[in-house]
Amino acid sequence: MNDPDGQPDDGAGTLLGEISRLRQAGYTLDFYATAEGRLACRSCDMDEDPASMQVDFTARFEGQSNPDDESILLALTCQCGSKGLYTAAYGSSSSPEDTAVLNRLT
C-alpha cells in the first residue's frame, strides 16, 4: 500500500516517524474523538460522523515490550477538505469514544 506522499509503506515505521511523514504530506490537523463518538475537526469547527471521513492511510503499531500495547494512526480527509491525523489505542486498551469512532470509520 502506498501512503499519501506516494511512498510505499514497508510497515517498519514508528508512530512518530509515520506522523512526521504524514505531516510533511499535508496532514496538518489533529482530529479527536468526542464523548458522543464523533470526530472533531478544528478547521470547520464541526463534530463529524466518522463514516463521513475519507480514510487515506492506516498504520497499526504494537509495543515492542508488550504486544497488547496497540495503537492506530489514520490519515483522514474531512468533508470540508481539511486533512489531519487521528491516533488511538485499539484492542483492550481502547476508550469507549475511540472504539465508537473506529467502528464507524470505513
PDB file of N, CA and C in Angstrom:
ATOM      1  N   MET A   1       0.849  -1.191   0.000  1.00  0.00           N
ATOM      2  CA  MET A   1       0.000   0.000   0.000  1.00  0.00           C
ATOM      3  C   MET A   1       0.881   1.236   0.000  1.00  0.00           C
ATOM      4  N   ASN A   2       0.537   2.229  -0.775  1.00  0.00           N
ATOM      5  CA  ASN A   2       1.260   3.498  -0.791  1.00  0.00           C
ATOM      6  C   ASN A   2       0.589   4.462   0.165  1.00  0.00           C
ATOM      7  N   ASP A   3       1.411   5.249   0.826  1.00  0.00           N
ATOM      8  CA  ASP A   3       0.840   6.254   1.712  1.00  0.00           C
ATOM      9  C   ASP A   3       0.606   7.540   0.922  1.00  0.00           C
ATOM     10  N   PRO A   4       0.037   8.569   1.560  1.00  0.00           N
ATOM     11  CA  PRO A   4      -0.356   9.775   0.828  1.00  0.00           C
ATOM     12  C   PRO A   4       0.785  10.534   0.168  1.00  0.00           C
ATOM     13  N   ASP A   5       2.037  10.331   0.587  1.00  0.00           N
ATOM     14  CA  ASP A   5       3.116  11.033  -0.109  1.00  0.00           C
ATOM     15  C   ASP A   5       3.666  10.210  -1.265  1.00  0.00           C
ATOM     16  N   GLY A   6       2.970   9.092  -1.605  1.00  0.00           N
ATOM     17  CA  GLY A   6       3.319   8.297  -2.767  1.00  0.00           C
ATOM     18  C   GLY A   6       4.388   7.258  -2.512  1.00  0.00           C
ATOM     19  N   GLN A   7       4.899   7.197  -1.292  1.00  0.00           N
ATOM     20  CA  GLN A   7       5.939   6.239  -0.968  1.00  0.00           C
ATOM     21  C   GLN A   7       5.332   4.930  -0.478  1.00  0.00           C
ATOM     22  N   PRO A   8       5.973   3.788  -0.815  1.00  0.00           N
ATOM     23  CA  PRO A   8       5.460   2.523  -0.304  1.00  0.00           C
ATOM     24  C   PRO A   8       5.587   2.473   1.209  1.00  0.00           C
ATOM     25  N   ASP A   9       4.608   1.893   1.851  1.00  0.00           N
ATOM     26  CA  ASP A   9       4.640   1.709   3.296  1.00  0.00           C
ATOM     27  C   ASP A   9       5.204   0.328   3.564  1.00  0.00           C
ATOM     28  N   ASP A  10       6.391   0.276   4.154  1.00  0.00           N
ATOM     29  CA  ASP A  10       7.008  -1.017   4.415  1.00  0.00           C
ATOM     30  C   ASP A  10       6.626  -1.575   5.778  1.00  0.00           C
ATOM     31  N   GLY A  11       5.812  -0.831   6.540  1.00  0.00           N
ATOM     32  CA  GLY A  11       5.346  -1.317   7.831  1.00  0.00           C
ATOM     33  C   GLY A  11       6.391  -1.271   8.923  1.00  0.00           C
ATOM     34  N   ALA A  12       7.594  -0.812   8.611  1.00  0.00           N
ATOM     35  CA  ALA A  12       8.667  -0.814   9.596  1.00  0.00           C
ATOM     36  C   ALA A  12       8.758   0.496  10.357  1.00  0.00           C
ATOM     37  N   GLY A  13       7.896   1.454  10.052  1.00  0.00           N
ATOM     38  CA  GLY A  13       7.979   2.769  10.672  1.00  0.00           C
ATOM     39  C   GLY A  13       7.521   2.762  12.121  1.00  0.00           C
ATOM     40  N   THR A  14       7.886   3.828  12.795  1.00  0.00           N
ATOM     41  CA  THR A  14       7.416   4.044  14.154  1.00  0.00           C
ATOM     42  C   THR A  14       6.240   5.008  14.096  1.00  0.00           C
ATOM     43  N   LEU A  15       5.487   5.085  15.168  1.00  0.00           N
ATOM     44  CA  LEU A  15       4.358   6.005  15.223  1.00  0.00           C
ATOM     45  C   LEU A  15       4.825   7.438  14.978  1.00  0.00           C
ATOM     46  N   LEU A  16       5.874   7.853  15.666  1.00  0.00           N
ATOM     47  CA  LEU A  16       6.358   9.232  15.487  1.00  0.00           C
ATOM     48  C   LEU A  16       6.907   9.460  14.082  1.00  0.00           C
ATOM     49  N   GLY A  17       7.566   8.464  13.515  1.00  0.00           N
ATOM     50  CA  GLY A  17       8.073   8.582  12.158  1.00  0.00           C
ATOM     51  C   GLY A  17       6.953   8.715  11.149  1.00  0.00           C
ATOM     52  N   GLU A  18       5.890   7.906  11.316  1.00  0.00           N
ATOM     53  CA  GLU A  18       4.744   7.985  10.407  1.00  0.00           C
ATOM     54  C   GLU A  18       4.032   9.326  10.539  1.00  0.00           C
ATOM     55  N   ILE A  19       3.886   9.814  11.766  1.00  0.00           N
ATOM     56  CA  ILE A  19       3.258  11.126  11.977  1.00  0.00           C
ATOM     57  C   ILE A  19       4.066  12.205  11.254  1.00  0.00           C
ATOM     58  N   SER A  20       5.373  12.165  11.377  1.00  0.00           N
ATOM     59  CA  SER A  20       6.234  13.156  10.724  1.00  0.00           C
ATOM     60  C   SER A  20       6.080  13.092   9.208  1.00  0.00           C
ATOM     61  N   ARG A  21       6.091  11.898   8.633  1.00  0.00           N
ATOM     62  CA  ARG A  21       5.940  11.759   7.184  1.00  0.00           C
ATOM     63  C   ARG A  21       4.584  12.268   6.708  1.00  0.00           C
ATOM     64  N   LEU A  22       3.540  11.952   7.462  1.00  0.00           N
ATOM     65  CA  LEU A  22       2.198  12.385   7.072  1.00  0.00           C
ATOM     66  C   LEU A  22       2.026  13.891   7.230  1.00  0.00           C
ATOM     67  N   ARG A  23       2.652  14.473   8.244  1.00  0.00           N
ATOM     68  CA  ARG A  23       2.616  15.941   8.396  1.00  0.00           C
ATOM     69  C   ARG A  23       3.239  16.593   7.157  1.00  0.00           C
ATOM     70  N   GLN A  24       4.365  16.050   6.701  1.00  0.00           N
ATOM     71  CA  GLN A  24       5.032  16.585   5.520  1.00  0.00           C
ATOM     72  C   GLN A  24       4.173  16.402   4.269  1.00  0.00           C
ATOM     73  N   ALA A  25       3.303  15.397   4.271  1.00  0.00           N
ATOM     74  CA  ALA A  25       2.422  15.146   3.132  1.00  0.00           C
ATOM     75  C   ALA A  25       1.150  15.991   3.190  1.00  0.00           C
ATOM     76  N   GLY A  26       1.021  16.856   4.216  1.00  0.00           N
ATOM     77  CA  GLY A  26      -0.105  17.783   4.264  1.00  0.00           C
ATOM     78  C   GLY A  26      -1.183  17.478   5.286  1.00  0.00           C
ATOM     79  N   TYR A  27      -0.992  16.465   6.114  1.00  0.00           N
ATOM     80  CA  TYR A  27      -1.983  16.127   7.147  1.00  0.00           C
ATOM     81  C   TYR A  27      -1.629  16.904   8.415  1.00  0.00           C
ATOM     82  N   THR A  28      -2.061  18.163   8.459  1.00  0.00           N
ATOM     83  CA  THR A  28      -1.607  19.091   9.484  1.00  0.00           C
ATOM     84  C   THR A  28      -2.520  19.174  10.707  1.00  0.00           C
ATOM     85  N   LEU A  29      -3.776  18.788  10.558  1.00  0.00           N
ATOM     86  CA  LEU A  29      -4.713  18.874  11.684  1.00  0.00           C
ATOM     87  C   LEU A  29      -4.623  17.630  12.568  1.00  0.00           C
ATOM     88  N   ASP A  30      -5.163  17.742  13.771  1.00  0.00           N
ATOM     89  CA  ASP A  30      -5.348  16.599  14.650  1.00  0.00           C
ATOM     90  C   ASP A  30      -6.840  16.450  14.914  1.00  0.00           C
ATOM     91  N   PHE A  31      -7.412  15.336  14.489  1.00  0.00           N
ATOM     92  CA  PHE A  31      -8.802  15.022  14.801  1.00  0.00           C
ATOM     93  C   PHE A  31      -8.824  14.299  16.142  1.00  0.00           C
ATOM     94  N   TYR A  32      -9.907  14.482  16.894  1.00  0.00           N
ATOM     95  CA  TYR A  32     -10.021  13.755  18.164  1.00  0.00           C
ATOM     96  C   TYR A  32     -11.457  13.300  18.363  1.00  0.00           C
ATOM     97  N   ALA A  33     -11.588  12.214  19.133  1.00  0.00           N
ATOM     98  CA  ALA A  33     -12.900  11.633  19.399  1.00  0.00           C
ATOM     99  C   ALA A  33     -13.628  12.461  20.448  1.00  0.00           C
ATOM    100  N   THR A  34     -14.906  12.680  20.228  1.00  0.00           N
ATOM    101  CA  THR A  34     -15.745  13.367  21.207  1.00  0.00           C
ATOM    102  C   THR A  34     -16.421  12.329  22.107  1.00  0.00           C
ATOM    103  N   ALA A  35     -17.048  12.791  23.152  1.00  0.00           N
ATOM    104  CA  ALA A  35     -17.763  11.884  24.061  1.00  0.00           C
ATOM    105  C   ALA A  35     -18.906  11.160  23.359  1.00  0.00           C
ATOM    106  N   GLU A  36     -19.393  11.722  22.261  1.00  0.00           N
ATOM    107  CA  GLU A  36     -20.503  11.134  21.501  1.00  0.00           C
ATOM    108  C   GLU A  36     -20.017  10.167  20.424  1.00  0.00           C
ATOM    109  N   GLY A  37     -18.692   9.916  20.354  1.00  0.00           N
ATOM    110  CA  GLY A  37     -18.159   9.006  19.351  1.00  0.00           C
ATOM    111  C   GLY A  37     -18.057   9.609  17.964  1.00  0.00           C
ATOM    112  N   ARG A  38     -17.895  10.924  17.896  1.00  0.00           N
ATOM    113  CA  ARG A  38     -17.728  11.611  16.612  1.00  0.00           C
ATOM    114  C   ARG A  38     -16.300  12.136  16.543  1.00  0.00           C
ATOM    115  N   LEU A  39     -15.891  12.629  15.395  1.00  0.00           N
ATOM    116  CA  LEU A  39     -14.560  13.211  15.232  1.00  0.00           C
ATOM    117  C   LEU A  39     -14.670  14.722  15.138  1.00  0.00           C
ATOM    118  N   ALA A  40     -13.941  15.409  15.981  1.00  0.00           N
ATOM    119  CA  ALA A  40     -13.942  16.867  15.979  1.00  0.00           C
ATOM    120  C   ALA A  40     -12.913  17.371  14.972  1.00  0.00           C
ATOM    121  N   CYS A  41     -13.350  18.281  14.102  1.00  0.00           N
ATOM    122  CA  CYS A  41     -12.481  18.929  13.114  1.00  0.00           C
ATOM    123  C   CYS A  41     -12.357  20.387  13.520  1.00  0.00           C
ATOM    124  N   ARG A  42     -11.171  20.808  13.863  1.00  0.00           N
ATOM    125  CA  ARG A  42     -10.959  22.186  14.287  1.00  0.00           C
ATOM    126  C   ARG A  42     -10.952  23.158  13.117  1.00  0.00           C
ATOM    127  N   SER A  43     -10.800  22.645  11.902  1.00  0.00           N
ATOM    128  CA  SER A  43     -10.780  23.526  10.734  1.00  0.00           C
ATOM    129  C   SER A  43     -12.175  24.063  10.429  1.00  0.00           C
ATOM    130  N   CYS A  44     -13.170  23.163  10.393  1.00  0.00           N
ATOM    131  CA  CYS A  44     -14.537  23.605  10.095  1.00  0.00           C
ATOM    132  C   CYS A  44     -15.371  23.752  11.366  1.00  0.00           C
ATOM    133  N   ASP A  45     -14.758  23.486  12.516  1.00  0.00           N
ATOM    134  CA  ASP A  45     -15.424  23.629  13.822  1.00  0.00           C
ATOM    135  C   ASP A  45     -16.663  22.750  13.938  1.00  0.00           C
ATOM    136  N   MET A  46     -16.601  21.546  13.365  1.00  0.00           N
ATOM    137  CA  MET A  46     -17.731  20.625  13.399  1.00  0.00           C
ATOM    138  C   MET A  46     -17.300  19.295  14.017  1.00  0.00           C
ATOM    139  N   ASP A  47     -18.275  18.608  14.594  1.00  0.00           N
ATOM    140  CA  ASP A  47     -18.088  17.228  15.020  1.00  0.00           C
ATOM    141  C   ASP A  47     -18.694  16.358  13.929  1.00  0.00           C
ATOM    142  N   GLU A  48     -17.846  15.606  13.243  1.00  0.00           N
ATOM    143  CA  GLU A  48     -18.253  14.844  12.070  1.00  0.00           C
ATOM    144  C   GLU A  48     -18.533  13.387  12.420  1.00  0.00           C
ATOM    145  N   ASP A  49     -19.478  12.804  11.709  1.00  0.00           N
ATOM    146  CA  ASP A  49     -19.697  11.367  11.779  1.00  0.00           C
ATOM    147  C   ASP A  49     -18.455  10.713  11.184  1.00  0.00           C
ATOM    148  N   PRO A  50     -17.782   9.816  11.918  1.00  0.00           N
ATOM    149  CA  PRO A  50     -16.581   9.192  11.372  1.00  0.00           C
ATOM    150  C   PRO A  50     -16.809   8.524  10.014  1.00  0.00           C
ATOM    151  N   ALA A  51     -18.009   8.020   9.770  1.00  0.00           N
ATOM    152  CA  ALA A  51     -18.303   7.365   8.491  1.00  0.00           C
ATOM    153  C   ALA A  51     -18.234   8.346   7.321  1.00  0.00           C
ATOM    154  N   SER A  52     -18.310   9.651   7.603  1.00  0.00           N
ATOM    155  CA  SER A  52     -18.252  10.648   6.532  1.00  0.00           C
ATOM    156  C   SER A  52     -16.814  11.051   6.196  1.00  0.00           C
ATOM    157  N   MET A  53     -15.881  10.600   6.996  1.00  0.00           N
ATOM    158  CA  MET A  53     -14.472  10.920   6.757  1.00  0.00           C
ATOM    159  C   MET A  53     -13.889   9.979   5.714  1.00  0.00           C
ATOM    160  N   GLN A  54     -12.982  10.499   4.917  1.00  0.00           N
ATOM    161  CA  GLN A  54     -12.252   9.664   3.957  1.00  0.00           C
ATOM    162  C   GLN A  54     -10.981   9.176   4.639  1.00  0.00           C
ATOM    163  N   VAL A  55     -10.785   7.864   4.676  1.00  0.00           N
ATOM    164  CA  VAL A  55      -9.576   7.277   5.254  1.00  0.00           C
ATOM    165  C   VAL A  55      -8.553   7.154   4.124  1.00  0.00           C
ATOM    166  N   ASP A  56      -7.457   7.913   4.236  1.00  0.00           N
ATOM    167  CA  ASP A  56      -6.429   7.926   3.205  1.00  0.00           C
ATOM    168  C   ASP A  56      -5.285   6.960   3.497  1.00  0.00           C
ATOM    169  N   PHE A  57      -5.040   6.684   4.767  1.00  0.00           N
ATOM    170  CA  PHE A  57      -3.920   5.829   5.146  1.00  0.00           C
ATOM    171  C   PHE A  57      -4.158   5.331   6.566  1.00  0.00           C
ATOM    172  N   THR A  58      -3.758   4.092   6.812  1.00  0.00           N
ATOM    173  CA  THR A  58      -3.870   3.494   8.140  1.00  0.00           C
ATOM    174  C   THR A  58      -2.571   2.769   8.468  1.00  0.00           C
ATOM    175  N   ALA A  59      -2.091   2.944   9.687  1.00  0.00           N
ATOM    176  CA  ALA A  59      -0.920   2.199  10.164  1.00  0.00           C
ATOM    177  C   ALA A  59      -1.209   1.742  11.585  1.00  0.00           C
ATOM    178  N   ARG A  60      -0.871   0.500  11.866  1.00  0.00           N
ATOM    179  CA  ARG A  60      -1.055  -0.061  13.215  1.00  0.00           C
ATOM    180  C   ARG A  60       0.303  -0.349  13.821  1.00  0.00           C
ATOM    181  N   PHE A  61       0.381  -0.181  15.133  1.00  0.00           N
ATOM    182  CA  PHE A  61       1.643  -0.364  15.840  1.00  0.00           C
ATOM    183  C   PHE A  61       1.404  -1.196  17.097  1.00  0.00           C
ATOM    184  N   GLU A  62       2.382  -2.039  17.420  1.00  0.00           N
ATOM    185  CA  GLU A  62       2.378  -2.797  18.665  1.00  0.00           C
ATOM    186  C   GLU A  62       3.594  -2.386  19.467  1.00  0.00           C
ATOM    187  N   GLY A  63       3.445  -2.375  20.797  1.00  0.00           N
ATOM    188  CA  GLY A  63       4.571  -2.054  21.658  1.00  0.00           C
ATOM    189  C   GLY A  63       5.635  -3.134  21.566  1.00  0.00           C
ATOM    190  N   GLN A  64       6.907  -2.736  21.605  1.00  0.00           N
ATOM    191  CA  GLN A  64       7.988  -3.709  21.487  1.00  0.00           C
ATOM    192  C   GLN A  64       8.045  -4.641  22.686  1.00  0.00           C
ATOM    193  N   SER A  65       7.774  -4.115  23.869  1.00  0.00           N
ATOM    194  CA  SER A  65       7.858  -4.958  25.062  1.00  0.00           C
ATOM    195  C   SER A  65       6.523  -5.594  25.432  1.00  0.00           C
ATOM    196  N   ASN A  66       5.420  -5.048  24.903  1.00  0.00           N
ATOM    197  CA  ASN A  66       4.106  -5.582  25.236  1.00  0.00           C
ATOM    198  C   ASN A  66       3.226  -5.545  23.992  1.00  0.00           C
ATOM    199  N   PRO A  67       2.984  -6.714  23.372  1.00  0.00           N
ATOM    200  CA  PRO A  67       2.160  -6.733  22.162  1.00  0.00           C
ATOM    201  C   PRO A  67       0.728  -6.249  22.392  1.00  0.00           C
ATOM    202  N   ASP A  68       0.276  -6.203  23.649  1.00  0.00           N
ATOM    203  CA  ASP A  68      -1.065  -5.688  23.939  1.00  0.00           C
ATOM    204  C   ASP A  68      -1.117  -4.166  23.887  1.00  0.00           C
ATOM    205  N   ASP A  69       0.050  -3.525  23.832  1.00  0.00           N
ATOM    206  CA  ASP A  69       0.132  -2.067  23.726  1.00  0.00           C
ATOM    207  C   ASP A  69      -0.014  -1.709  22.254  1.00  0.00           C
ATOM    208  N   GLU A  70      -1.263  -1.564  21.807  1.00  0.00           N
ATOM    209  CA  GLU A  70      -1.547  -1.364  20.393  1.00  0.00           C
ATOM    210  C   GLU A  70      -2.093   0.036  20.145  1.00  0.00           C
ATOM    211  N   SER A  71      -1.632   0.644  19.044  1.00  0.00           N
ATOM    212  CA  SER A  71      -2.169   1.942  18.651  1.00  0.00           C
ATOM    213  C   SER A  71      -2.375   1.943  17.146  1.00  0.00           C
ATOM    214  N   ILE A  72      -3.204   2.879  16.717  1.00  0.00           N
ATOM    215  CA  ILE A  72      -3.516   3.016  15.297  1.00  0.00           C
ATOM    216  C   ILE A  72      -3.403   4.487  14.920  1.00  0.00           C
ATOM    217  N   LEU A  73      -2.915   4.728  13.721  1.00  0.00           N
ATOM    218  CA  LEU A  73      -2.788   6.070  13.166  1.00  0.00           C
ATOM    219  C   LEU A  73      -3.540   6.096  11.853  1.00  0.00           C
ATOM    220  N   LEU A  74      -4.421   7.064  11.709  1.00  0.00           N
ATOM    221  CA  LEU A  74      -5.176   7.211  10.469  1.00  0.00           C
ATOM    222  C   LEU A  74      -4.975   8.607   9.910  1.00  0.00           C
ATOM    223  N   ALA A  75      -4.711   8.683   8.599  1.00  0.00           N
ATOM    224  CA  ALA A  75      -4.688   9.948   7.881  1.00  0.00           C
ATOM    225  C   ALA A  75      -6.068  10.103   7.263  1.00  0.00           C
ATOM    226  N   LEU A  76      -6.751  11.199   7.608  1.00  0.00           N
ATOM    227  CA  LEU A  76      -8.147  11.395   7.215  1.00  0.00           C
ATOM    228  C   LEU A  76      -8.336  12.705   6.469  1.00  0.00           C
ATOM    229  N   THR A  77      -9.356  12.713   5.622  1.00  0.00           N
ATOM    230  CA  THR A  77      -9.795  13.944   4.989  1.00  0.00           C
ATOM    231  C   THR A  77     -11.238  14.190   5.407  1.00  0.00           C
ATOM    232  N   CYS A  78     -11.478  15.367   5.971  1.00  0.00           N
ATOM    233  CA  CYS A  78     -12.811  15.766   6.422  1.00  0.00           C
ATOM    234  C   CYS A  78     -13.652  16.186   5.209  1.00  0.00           C
ATOM    235  N   GLN A  79     -14.952  16.226   5.390  1.00  0.00           N
ATOM    236  CA  GLN A  79     -15.854  16.691   4.332  1.00  0.00           C
ATOM    237  C   GLN A  79     -15.523  18.118   3.890  1.00  0.00           C
ATOM    238  N   CYS A  80     -14.963  18.916   4.804  1.00  0.00           N
ATOM    239  CA  CYS A  80     -14.616  20.301   4.468  1.00  0.00           C
ATOM    240  C   CYS A  80     -13.329  20.382   3.646  1.00  0.00           C
ATOM    241  N   GLY A  81     -12.652  19.242   3.466  1.00  0.00           N
ATOM    242  CA  GLY A  81     -11.428  19.208   2.681  1.00  0.00           C
ATOM    243  C   GLY A  81     -10.151  19.244   3.496  1.00  0.00           C
ATOM    244  N   SER A  82     -10.272  19.477   4.789  1.00  0.00           N
ATOM    245  CA  SER A  82      -9.095  19.527   5.646  1.00  0.00           C
ATOM    246  C   SER A  82      -8.536  18.127   5.855  1.00  0.00           C
ATOM    247  N   LYS A  83      -7.199  18.057   5.931  1.00  0.00           N
ATOM    248  CA  LYS A  83      -6.516  16.783   6.129  1.00  0.00           C
ATOM    249  C   LYS A  83      -5.882  16.777   7.504  1.00  0.00           C
ATOM    250  N   GLY A  84      -6.007  15.632   8.189  1.00  0.00           N
ATOM    251  CA  GLY A  84      -5.439  15.534   9.517  1.00  0.00           C
ATOM    252  C   GLY A  84      -5.222  14.107   9.942  1.00  0.00           C
ATOM    253  N   LEU A  85      -4.750  13.964  11.170  1.00  0.00           N
ATOM    254  CA  LEU A  85      -4.411  12.663  11.733  1.00  0.00           C
ATOM    255  C   LEU A  85      -5.291  12.357  12.927  1.00  0.00           C
ATOM    256  N   TYR A  86      -5.537  11.083  13.100  1.00  0.00           N
ATOM    257  CA  TYR A  86      -6.274  10.586  14.261  1.00  0.00           C
ATOM    258  C   TYR A  86      -5.503   9.396  14.803  1.00  0.00           C
ATOM    259  N   THR A  87      -5.116   9.459  16.060  1.00  0.00           N
ATOM    260  CA  THR A  87      -4.418   8.347  16.705  1.00  0.00           C
ATOM    261  C   THR A  87      -5.261   7.857  17.865  1.00  0.00           C
ATOM    262  N   ALA A  88      -5.206   6.555  18.075  1.00  0.00           N
ATOM    263  CA  ALA A  88      -5.976   5.965  19.174  1.00  0.00           C
ATOM    264  C   ALA A  88      -5.347   4.645  19.582  1.00  0.00           C
ATOM    265  N   ALA A  89      -5.595   4.289  20.821  1.00  0.00           N
ATOM    266  CA  ALA A  89      -5.285   2.931  21.257  1.00  0.00           C
ATOM    267  C   ALA A  89      -6.383   2.051  20.686  1.00  0.00           C
ATOM    268  N   TYR A  90      -6.065   0.801  20.398  1.00  0.00           N
ATOM    269  CA  TYR A  90      -7.116  -0.108  19.976  1.00  0.00           C
ATOM    270  C   TYR A  90      -6.915  -1.438  20.670  1.00  0.00           C
ATOM    271  N   GLY A  91      -7.921  -2.267  20.574  1.00  0.00           N
ATOM    272  CA  GLY A  91      -7.893  -3.516  21.316  1.00  0.00           C
ATOM    273  C   GLY A  91      -8.446  -3.290  22.709  1.00  0.00           C
ATOM    274  N   SER A  92      -7.932  -4.018  23.661  1.00  0.00           N
ATOM    275  CA  SER A  92      -8.473  -3.968  25.020  1.00  0.00           C
ATOM    276  C   SER A  92      -8.244  -2.634  25.719  1.00  0.00           C
ATOM    277  N   SER A  93      -7.271  -1.843  25.256  1.00  0.00           N
ATOM    278  CA  SER A  93      -6.983  -0.564  25.919  1.00  0.00           C
ATOM    279  C   SER A  93      -7.691   0.624  25.268  1.00  0.00           C
ATOM    280  N   SER A  94      -8.557   0.377  24.296  1.00  0.00           N
ATOM    281  CA  SER A  94      -9.268   1.453  23.614  1.00  0.00           C
ATOM    282  C   SER A  94     -10.340   2.063  24.512  1.00  0.00           C
ATOM    283  N   SER A  95     -10.453   3.390  24.479  1.00  0.00           N
ATOM    284  CA  SER A  95     -11.502   4.078  25.238  1.00  0.00           C
ATOM    285  C   SER A  95     -12.843   3.859  24.540  1.00  0.00           C
ATOM    286  N   PRO A  96     -13.959   4.032  25.242  1.00  0.00           N
ATOM    287  CA  PRO A  96     -15.271   3.898  24.596  1.00  0.00           C
ATOM    288  C   PRO A  96     -15.445   4.869  23.421  1.00  0.00           C
ATOM    289  N   GLU A  97     -14.931   6.089  23.553  1.00  0.00           N
ATOM    290  CA  GLU A  97     -15.046   7.070  22.473  1.00  0.00           C
ATOM    291  C   GLU A  97     -14.253   6.626  21.244  1.00  0.00           C
ATOM    292  N   ASP A  98     -13.016   6.172  21.464  1.00  0.00           N
ATOM    293  CA  ASP A  98     -12.194   5.716  20.349  1.00  0.00           C
ATOM    294  C   ASP A  98     -12.786   4.463  19.704  1.00  0.00           C
ATOM    295  N   THR A  99     -13.324   3.564  20.503  1.00  0.00           N
ATOM    296  CA  THR A  99     -13.955   2.358  19.963  1.00  0.00           C
ATOM    297  C   THR A  99     -15.121   2.734  19.061  1.00  0.00           C
ATOM    298  N   ALA A 100     -15.932   3.700  19.509  1.00  0.00           N
ATOM    299  CA  ALA A 100     -17.081   4.140  18.707  1.00  0.00           C
ATOM    300  C   ALA A 100     -16.609   4.739  17.385  1.00  0.00           C
ATOM    301  N   VAL A 101     -15.572   5.564  17.425  1.00  0.00           N
ATOM    302  CA  VAL A 101     -15.044   6.187  16.205  1.00  0.00           C
ATOM    303  C   VAL A 101     -14.476   5.122  15.277  1.00  0.00           C
ATOM    304  N   LEU A 102     -13.646   4.234  15.797  1.00  0.00           N
ATOM    305  CA  LEU A 102     -13.012   3.213  14.961  1.00  0.00           C
ATOM    306  C   LEU A 102     -14.038   2.284  14.329  1.00  0.00           C
ATOM    307  N   ASN A 103     -15.114   2.010  15.027  1.00  0.00           N
ATOM    308  CA  ASN A 103     -16.172   1.158  14.468  1.00  0.00           C
ATOM    309  C   ASN A 103     -16.920   1.853  13.332  1.00  0.00           C
ATOM    310  N   ARG A 104     -16.941   3.195  13.308  1.00  0.00           N
ATOM    311  CA  ARG A 104     -17.683   3.943  12.286  1.00  0.00           C
ATOM    312  C   ARG A 104     -16.817   4.315  11.073  1.00  0.00           C
ATOM    313  N   LEU A 105     -15.503   4.286  11.223  1.00  0.00           N
ATOM    314  CA  LEU A 105     -14.636   4.615  10.090  1.00  0.00           C
ATOM    315  C   LEU A 105     -14.700   3.492   9.069  1.00  0.00           C
ATOM    316  N   THR A 106     -14.796   3.851   7.786  1.00  0.00           N
ATOM    317  CA  THR A 106     -14.882   2.824   6.756  1.00  0.00           C
ATOM    318  C   THR A 106     -13.653   2.822   5.893  1.00  0.00           C
TER     319      THR A 106
END
